[in-house]
Protein backbone atom coordinates (compact mmCIF):
# COMPACT_ATOMS: atom_id res chain seq x y z
CA UNK A 1 58.96 33.54 127.45
CA UNK A 2 58.74 32.25 123.99
CA UNK A 3 58.16 28.80 122.53
CA UNK A 4 55.99 26.41 120.61
CA UNK A 5 54.02 25.11 123.52
CA UNK A 6 56.53 22.12 124.06
CA UNK A 7 59.72 23.84 124.50
CA UNK A 8 59.50 27.31 126.00
CA UNK A 9 62.58 29.46 126.23
CA UNK A 10 63.38 32.87 127.36
CA UNK A 11 65.48 35.83 126.14
CA UNK A 12 67.06 38.49 128.11
CA UNK A 13 68.60 41.74 126.85
CA UNK A 14 70.97 43.30 129.19
CA UNK A 15 72.95 46.50 129.06
CA UNK A 16 76.09 47.01 130.89
CA UNK A 17 77.14 50.75 131.62
CA UNK A 18 80.85 51.05 132.51
CA UNK A 19 82.61 53.68 134.50
CA UNK A 20 84.43 54.71 131.21
CA UNK A 21 80.97 55.60 129.71
CA UNK A 22 80.89 52.80 127.37
CA UNK A 23 77.86 50.77 127.03
CA UNK A 24 77.65 46.84 126.26
CA UNK A 25 74.54 45.07 125.12
CA UNK A 26 73.92 41.43 125.23
CA UNK A 27 70.99 39.33 124.20
CA UNK A 28 71.06 35.98 126.23
CA UNK A 29 68.96 32.92 125.25
CA UNK A 30 68.03 30.50 127.97
CA UNK A 31 66.83 27.69 125.48
CA UNK A 32 70.16 25.98 125.46
CA UNK A 33 72.15 27.61 128.33
CA UNK A 34 70.15 28.47 131.49
CA UNK A 35 72.89 30.51 133.01
CA UNK A 36 75.60 32.97 131.98
CA UNK A 37 78.73 34.12 133.66
CA UNK A 38 79.60 37.84 132.93
CA UNK A 39 83.23 39.06 133.67
CA UNK A 40 86.67 39.81 132.05
CA UNK A 41 87.47 36.08 131.44
CA UNK A 42 83.96 34.66 131.01
CA UNK A 43 81.74 33.64 128.20
CA UNK A 44 80.05 36.89 128.45
CA UNK A 45 83.06 39.07 128.19
CA UNK A 46 83.16 42.54 129.72
CA UNK A 47 86.59 44.02 128.95
CA UNK A 48 86.88 46.55 131.85
CA UNK A 49 89.31 46.86 134.65
CA UNK A 50 86.61 47.39 137.11
CA UNK A 51 84.97 44.07 136.34
CA UNK A 52 86.36 40.85 137.90
CA UNK A 53 87.37 37.86 135.94
CA UNK A 54 84.02 36.09 137.00
CA UNK A 55 81.88 38.99 138.10
CA UNK A 56 78.20 37.93 138.05
CA UNK A 57 75.84 35.22 136.97
CA UNK A 58 72.76 35.75 135.25
CA UNK A 59 70.39 32.68 135.26
CA UNK A 60 66.83 31.68 134.33
CA UNK A 61 64.57 30.12 136.81
CA UNK A 62 61.47 28.55 135.25
CA UNK A 63 59.42 29.49 138.44
CA UNK A 64 60.32 33.20 138.65
CA UNK A 65 62.20 34.19 135.44
CA UNK A 66 65.76 35.82 135.12
CA UNK A 67 67.88 36.31 138.15
CA UNK A 68 71.35 37.88 138.70
CA UNK A 69 73.90 37.08 141.46
CA UNK A 70 77.24 38.78 142.26
CA UNK A 71 80.12 36.24 142.26
CA UNK A 72 81.87 37.94 145.28
CA UNK A 73 83.44 40.48 142.78
CA UNK A 74 85.93 43.11 144.00
CA UNK A 75 83.75 46.00 143.08
CA UNK A 76 80.32 44.52 143.38
CA UNK A 77 77.35 44.49 141.00
CA UNK A 78 74.60 46.90 140.46
CA UNK A 79 71.12 46.26 139.00
CA UNK A 80 69.24 49.51 137.84
CA UNK A 81 71.63 51.56 139.94
CA UNK A 82 71.15 49.54 143.24
CA UNK A 83 73.95 47.45 144.79
CA UNK A 84 73.08 43.70 144.80
CA UNK A 85 73.28 42.18 148.26
CA UNK A 86 71.76 38.87 147.24
CA UNK A 87 70.23 37.24 144.20
CA UNK A 88 67.63 39.53 142.48
CA UNK A 89 65.34 39.21 139.59
């Protein structure tokens, strides 16, 4: 977390590896937006046929940091190679 003591915020750098071999990189800033939806038709767009319209949500929890949750996507979501079954950080 970074901040001036009064207004902390957090940055998250994520890398998405697609089946096609493409890699996408995003830097998310939780200062103004505490959660981000990733998917084909989402604010954090991942243009790949294996990705659902709204695939996963990444969000910042002030108590425990960044978390990721699969949004009942067709092909599931993996974190560091392990398939998500629940919210993980």
